[in-house]
Amino acid sequence: MVSLDQLMALNLVADGLVLAALVRLRGERPTWRIPLAALLGAVWATLAVLPGLRELSGLVQELTAGLLMVLLARPRRGWRPAFADLVLLLGLAAALAGLTLLAQGLLSSLLGMSPWPSFAVGAALFWLAVEGAFRWQRSTAPRRQIRPLEVRWQGRRSLLWALVDTGCEARDPLSGLPVVVAERAALRRFLPHRLYEALGRPALAASADVAAAAQGDDRIERSLRLLQLRTVGEAEWLFGLRAEGRILGGKEQPIVLCLTPRRLSDEGAFAALVGPQMCRMGEGTGS
């Protein structure tokens, strides 16, 4: 018989482990939101066994709790990514439960009736499987999708690693130029100091600071753009600059270089997103 405090603790650890696995497989690092979302799931699961609150254990209610956990753990990504995360979360939870039951069945004579030893073995096997899946995912990703990108603006030059993203097909509605999205932090020496500091917040919140940084500087005023784009699964407003860019070995072309205050790759594998059209130009002119 498992007491309420044991049930709460087991669910807290299990939910935290599953959420950490979800974030890991998405290529991100766990944040303070993981234990908070795990606490929400543990409280929900504990309340669902209390008399008078059994309706919380229904299918719809359980799915609602899972969706709330996902939205809390990985916010601001839109509803479609959230539902995709929910499906993955349910699969991971089922895998953890299955491995725990397997460990309990095989090792019950050694581990005894306490739920913690079998859960610990199941959790260890679960995390080994998650790490294996993550490393396989990284090893099978096409290496040629990450390419060196050179950008130039007003006599300044920077070299970035860029991911060729098939979803990055956006163009500037005014000029029709292809859009390249880059991390602001990777262009610290590329941008004027005042503009770099102004771009440290989301675009709509930083519009007054950006306008002040551009005031009196014709270079910035002539090339500044404000576009709504979808990057890493969510739509956001970004400031951009009309610049030049090329995949190394390819032909230089005019672009709109949009700057995001967020990290595009949690592990630093790349600092920019480009559309396939720039990659095709690099391949077609590099021979």
Protein backbone atom coordinates (compact mmCIF):
# COMPACT_ATOMS: atom_id res chain seq x y z
CA MET A 1 0.00 0.00 0.00
CA VAL A 2 1.42 3.36 -1.06
CA SER A 3 0.73 6.31 1.24
CA LEU A 4 -0.29 9.74 -0.06
CA ASP A 5 3.10 11.27 0.65
CA GLN A 6 4.83 8.40 -1.20
CA LEU A 7 2.41 8.79 -4.11
CA MET A 8 3.10 12.53 -4.24
CA ALA A 9 6.87 11.99 -4.15
CA LEU A 10 6.80 9.24 -6.78
CA ASN A 11 4.70 11.34 -9.14
CA LEU A 12 6.90 14.39 -8.58
CA VAL A 13 10.07 12.49 -9.48
CA ALA A 14 8.44 10.59 -12.35
CA ASP A 15 6.89 13.73 -13.88
CA GLY A 16 10.16 15.61 -13.52
CA LEU A 17 12.05 12.79 -15.22
CA VAL A 18 9.58 12.54 -18.09
CA LEU A 19 9.54 16.32 -18.62
CA ALA A 20 13.35 16.45 -18.53
CA ALA A 21 13.41 13.67 -21.15
CA LEU A 22 10.95 15.62 -23.31
CA VAL A 23 13.12 18.74 -23.16
CA ARG A 24 16.25 16.67 -23.82
CA LEU A 25 14.79 15.10 -26.94
CA ARG A 26 13.76 18.57 -28.16
CA GLY A 27 17.43 19.61 -27.95
CA GLU A 28 16.99 22.01 -25.03
CA ARG A 29 18.32 22.27 -21.49
CA PRO A 30 16.04 21.80 -18.47
CA THR A 31 15.02 25.04 -16.73
CA TRP A 32 13.29 25.95 -13.47
CA ARG A 33 9.99 25.34 -15.27
CA ILE A 34 10.54 21.57 -15.20
CA PRO A 35 10.16 21.07 -11.42
CA LEU A 36 7.25 23.53 -11.41
CA ALA A 37 5.43 21.58 -14.12
CA ALA A 38 6.28 18.31 -12.35
CA LEU A 39 4.81 19.68 -9.12
CA LEU A 40 1.59 20.54 -10.97
CA GLY A 41 1.35 16.97 -12.29
CA ALA A 42 2.14 15.42 -8.90
CA VAL A 43 -0.47 17.53 -7.09
CA TRP A 44 -3.06 16.68 -9.76
CA ALA A 45 -2.33 12.93 -9.53
CA THR A 46 -2.50 13.01 -5.72
CA LEU A 47 -5.79 14.93 -5.64
CA ALA A 48 -7.29 12.48 -8.15
CA VAL A 49 -7.16 9.61 -5.61
CA LEU A 50 -8.90 11.53 -2.84
CA PRO A 51 -12.59 10.86 -2.15
CA GLY A 52 -14.76 13.42 -3.89
CA LEU A 53 -12.09 14.31 -6.45
CA ARG A 54 -12.03 11.08 -8.42
CA GLU A 55 -13.35 12.93 -11.49
CA LEU A 56 -9.84 14.39 -11.90
CA SER A 57 -8.66 10.94 -13.00
CA GLY A 58 -10.84 10.90 -16.13
CA LEU A 59 -9.21 10.73 -19.57
CA VAL A 60 -10.07 14.29 -20.54
CA GLN A 61 -8.91 15.61 -17.18
CA GLU A 62 -5.62 13.68 -17.38
CA LEU A 63 -4.97 14.99 -20.89
CA THR A 64 -5.74 18.51 -19.67
CA ALA A 65 -3.21 18.10 -16.86
CA GLY A 66 -0.60 16.85 -19.33
CA LEU A 67 -1.23 19.78 -21.66
CA LEU A 68 -0.90 22.25 -18.78
CA MET A 69 2.40 20.63 -17.80
CA VAL A 70 3.71 20.91 -21.36
CA LEU A 71 2.63 24.54 -21.65
CA LEU A 72 4.32 25.34 -18.35
CA ALA A 73 7.53 23.47 -19.18
CA ARG A 74 7.90 24.81 -22.76
CA PRO A 75 5.83 28.00 -23.05
CA ARG A 76 5.28 30.37 -25.99
CA ARG A 77 5.53 27.75 -28.72
CA GLY A 78 1.95 27.71 -29.98
CA TRP A 79 -0.78 25.10 -29.77
CA ARG A 80 0.42 22.71 -32.47
CA PRO A 81 3.88 22.19 -30.92
CA ALA A 82 2.18 21.89 -27.51
CA PHE A 83 -0.05 19.03 -28.71
CA ALA A 84 2.96 17.35 -30.35
CA ASP A 85 4.79 17.64 -27.02
CA LEU A 86 1.77 16.17 -25.24
CA VAL A 87 1.84 13.08 -27.48
CA LEU A 88 5.57 12.65 -26.84
CA LEU A 89 5.04 13.19 -23.10
CA LEU A 90 2.41 10.43 -22.99
CA GLY A 91 4.72 8.06 -24.86
CA LEU A 92 7.60 8.81 -22.51
CA ALA A 93 5.38 8.34 -19.45
CA ALA A 94 4.20 4.98 -20.80
CA ALA A 95 7.81 3.93 -21.43
CA LEU A 96 8.85 4.87 -17.88
CA ALA A 97 5.88 3.03 -16.38
CA GLY A 98 6.57 -0.05 -18.51
CA LEU A 99 10.25 -0.18 -17.57
CA THR A 100 9.38 0.27 -13.89
CA LEU A 101 6.86 -2.60 -14.02
CA LEU A 102 9.42 -4.73 -15.86
CA ALA A 103 12.03 -4.05 -13.19
CA GLN A 104 9.51 -4.84 -10.46
CA GLY A 105 8.50 -8.11 -12.09
CA LEU A 106 12.04 -9.30 -12.75
CA LEU A 107 13.68 -8.10 -9.54
CA SER A 108 10.86 -8.25 -6.96
CA SER A 109 12.61 -10.99 -5.00
CA LEU A 110 15.74 -8.83 -4.72
CA LEU A 111 14.19 -5.37 -4.41
CA GLY A 112 11.32 -6.20 -2.09
CA MET A 113 7.86 -4.62 -2.17
CA SER A 114 8.92 -0.99 -1.76
CA PRO A 115 8.15 1.00 -4.97
CA TRP A 116 11.35 3.04 -4.82
CA PRO A 117 14.00 0.41 -5.77
CA SER A 118 12.07 -0.83 -8.80
CA PHE A 119 11.31 2.75 -9.81
CA ALA A 120 15.01 3.63 -9.52
CA VAL A 121 15.98 0.74 -11.80
CA GLY A 122 13.20 1.60 -14.26
CA ALA A 123 14.21 5.27 -14.22
CA ALA A 124 17.85 4.39 -14.91
CA LEU A 125 16.88 2.20 -17.87
CA PHE A 126 14.50 4.92 -19.09
CA TRP A 127 17.17 7.63 -19.05
CA LEU A 128 19.67 5.36 -20.80
CA ALA A 129 17.08 4.85 -23.54
CA VAL A 130 16.42 8.60 -23.78
CA GLU A 131 20.13 9.37 -24.04
CA GLY A 132 20.51 6.68 -26.69
CA ALA A 133 17.60 8.11 -28.68
CA PHE A 134 19.01 11.64 -28.37
CA ARG A 135 22.49 10.61 -29.55
CA TRP A 136 21.05 8.59 -32.43
CA GLN A 137 18.91 11.57 -33.40
CA ARG A 138 21.98 13.82 -33.46
CA SER A 139 24.15 11.33 -35.32
CA THR A 140 21.58 10.77 -38.08
CA ALA A 141 20.91 14.48 -38.66
CA PRO A 142 22.45 15.45 -42.02
CA ARG A 143 25.71 17.25 -41.26
CA ARG A 144 25.51 19.24 -44.47
CA GLN A 145 22.42 21.00 -43.14
CA ILE A 146 24.66 23.17 -40.96
CA ARG A 147 26.64 25.46 -43.22
CA PRO A 148 29.02 28.42 -42.73
CA LEU A 149 27.25 31.71 -43.48
CA GLU A 150 28.97 35.04 -44.09
CA VAL A 151 26.95 38.22 -43.52
CA ARG A 152 27.97 41.81 -44.28
CA TRP A 153 26.35 45.09 -43.31
CA GLN A 154 27.70 48.62 -43.63
CA GLY A 155 31.29 47.41 -44.02
CA ARG A 156 31.03 44.99 -41.07
CA ARG A 157 31.48 41.25 -41.57
CA SER A 158 30.62 38.20 -39.47
CA LEU A 159 30.82 34.44 -39.97
CA LEU A 160 28.13 32.22 -38.43
CA TRP A 161 27.15 28.58 -38.51
CA ALA A 162 23.66 28.41 -40.01
CA LEU A 163 21.07 25.64 -40.08
CA VAL A 164 19.43 25.21 -43.48
CA ASP A 165 15.80 25.10 -42.38
CA THR A 166 13.12 24.13 -44.91
CA GLY A 167 10.63 26.11 -42.81
CA CYS A 168 12.67 29.30 -43.15
CA GLU A 169 11.29 30.42 -46.50
CA ALA A 170 10.12 33.87 -45.35
CA ARG A 171 10.73 36.95 -47.46
CA ASP A 172 10.55 40.65 -46.72
CA PRO A 173 7.08 41.72 -47.98
CA LEU A 174 8.43 45.10 -49.16
CA SER A 175 11.54 44.03 -51.07
CA GLY A 176 10.96 40.30 -51.59
CA LEU A 177 14.43 39.57 -50.18
CA PRO A 178 15.02 36.26 -48.37
CA VAL A 179 15.08 36.45 -44.59
CA VAL A 180 17.92 35.07 -42.47
CA VAL A 181 17.32 34.76 -38.71
CA ALA A 182 20.37 35.10 -36.44
CA GLU A 183 20.99 35.18 -32.71
CA ARG A 184 21.62 38.69 -31.47
CA ALA A 185 24.27 37.38 -29.05
CA ALA A 186 26.32 35.95 -31.94
CA LEU A 187 26.54 39.40 -33.56
CA ARG A 188 27.74 41.44 -30.60
CA ARG A 189 30.71 42.93 -32.49
CA PHE A 190 28.79 43.13 -35.74
CA LEU A 191 26.16 45.60 -34.52
CA PRO A 192 26.54 49.17 -33.19
CA HIS A 193 26.57 49.03 -29.39
CA ARG A 194 23.34 51.03 -28.86
CA LEU A 195 21.45 48.90 -31.35
CA TYR A 196 22.82 45.68 -29.85
CA GLU A 197 21.64 46.71 -26.38
CA ALA A 198 18.22 47.79 -27.68
CA LEU A 199 17.65 44.40 -29.33
CA GLY A 200 18.05 42.52 -26.05
CA ARG A 201 14.28 42.39 -25.49
CA PRO A 202 11.34 41.17 -27.62
CA ALA A 203 10.83 43.46 -30.61
CA LEU A 204 7.51 45.03 -29.65
CA ALA A 205 8.74 45.82 -26.13
CA ALA A 206 12.02 47.22 -27.46
CA SER A 207 10.60 49.33 -30.33
CA ALA A 208 11.18 52.66 -28.55
CA ASP A 209 14.78 51.74 -27.68
CA VAL A 210 15.48 50.58 -31.24
CA ALA A 211 14.01 53.79 -32.65
CA ALA A 212 16.22 55.81 -30.30
CA ALA A 213 19.30 53.80 -31.34
CA ALA A 214 18.52 54.33 -35.03
CA GLN A 215 17.74 58.04 -34.72
CA GLY A 216 20.29 60.15 -36.55
CA ASP A 217 22.05 57.11 -38.06
CA ASP A 218 21.10 56.87 -41.74
CA ARG A 219 22.73 53.44 -42.04
CA ILE A 220 20.29 51.93 -39.57
CA GLU A 221 17.24 53.96 -40.57
CA ARG A 222 17.53 52.98 -44.25
CA SER A 223 17.92 49.25 -43.61
CA LEU A 224 15.74 48.64 -40.52
CA ARG A 225 12.74 46.31 -40.89
CA LEU A 226 10.13 44.84 -38.51
CA LEU A 227 8.78 41.43 -39.52
CA GLN A 228 6.61 38.75 -37.97
CA LEU A 229 8.26 35.35 -38.44
CA ARG A 230 7.92 31.81 -37.16
CA THR A 231 11.17 30.55 -35.61
CA VAL A 232 11.67 27.34 -33.61
CA GLY A 233 7.95 26.62 -33.64
CA GLU A 234 6.53 30.00 -32.58
CA ALA A 235 5.61 33.28 -34.23
CA GLU A 236 7.40 36.41 -33.07
CA TRP A 237 8.13 39.96 -34.19
CA LEU A 238 11.77 40.57 -35.06
CA PHE A 239 13.77 43.59 -36.14
CA GLY A 240 15.87 43.08 -39.23
CA LEU A 241 18.53 44.88 -41.24
CA ARG A 242 18.96 44.89 -44.99
CA ALA A 243 22.35 43.25 -45.48
CA GLU A 244 24.28 40.87 -47.74
CA GLY A 245 24.85 37.20 -47.10
CA ARG A 246 26.21 34.05 -48.69
CA ILE A 247 26.86 30.43 -47.91
CA LEU A 248 30.65 30.10 -48.13
CA GLY A 249 31.62 29.07 -51.63
CA GLY A 250 28.45 30.58 -53.07
CA LYS A 251 27.30 33.88 -54.46
CA GLU A 252 26.57 36.85 -52.24
CA GLN A 253 23.00 38.15 -52.33
CA PRO A 254 20.92 40.82 -50.57
CA ILE A 255 19.08 39.54 -47.50
CA VAL A 256 17.10 40.82 -44.54
CA LEU A 257 19.03 39.79 -41.43
CA CYS A 258 16.50 39.41 -38.60
CA LEU A 259 17.83 39.31 -35.03
CA THR A 260 16.30 37.29 -32.22
CA PRO A 261 17.19 37.66 -28.52
CA ARG A 262 16.57 33.92 -28.04
CA ARG A 263 19.01 31.07 -28.63
CA LEU A 264 18.27 29.07 -31.77
CA SER A 265 20.36 26.06 -30.72
CA ASP A 266 20.61 25.22 -27.05
CA GLU A 267 23.92 23.43 -27.56
CA GLY A 268 25.41 26.17 -29.76
CA ALA A 269 25.57 24.02 -32.90
CA PHE A 270 24.35 26.95 -35.01
CA ALA A 271 23.48 30.62 -34.54
CA ALA A 272 21.39 31.35 -37.63
CA LEU A 273 18.58 29.93 -39.77
CA VAL A 274 18.61 30.19 -43.55
CA GLY A 275 16.23 28.96 -46.21
CA PRO A 276 17.14 26.26 -48.74
CA GLN A 277 17.35 28.88 -51.50
CA MET A 278 20.62 30.23 -50.06
CA CYS A 279 22.01 26.71 -49.75
CA ARG A 280 21.11 25.99 -53.39
CA MET A 281 22.91 29.16 -54.46
CA GLY A 282 25.95 28.02 -52.47
CA GLU A 283 25.97 24.63 -54.18
CA GLY A 284 25.22 25.95 -57.62
CA THR A 285 28.01 28.51 -57.73
CA GLY A 286 30.68 26.88 -55.66
CA SER A 287 32.08 24.54 -58.30
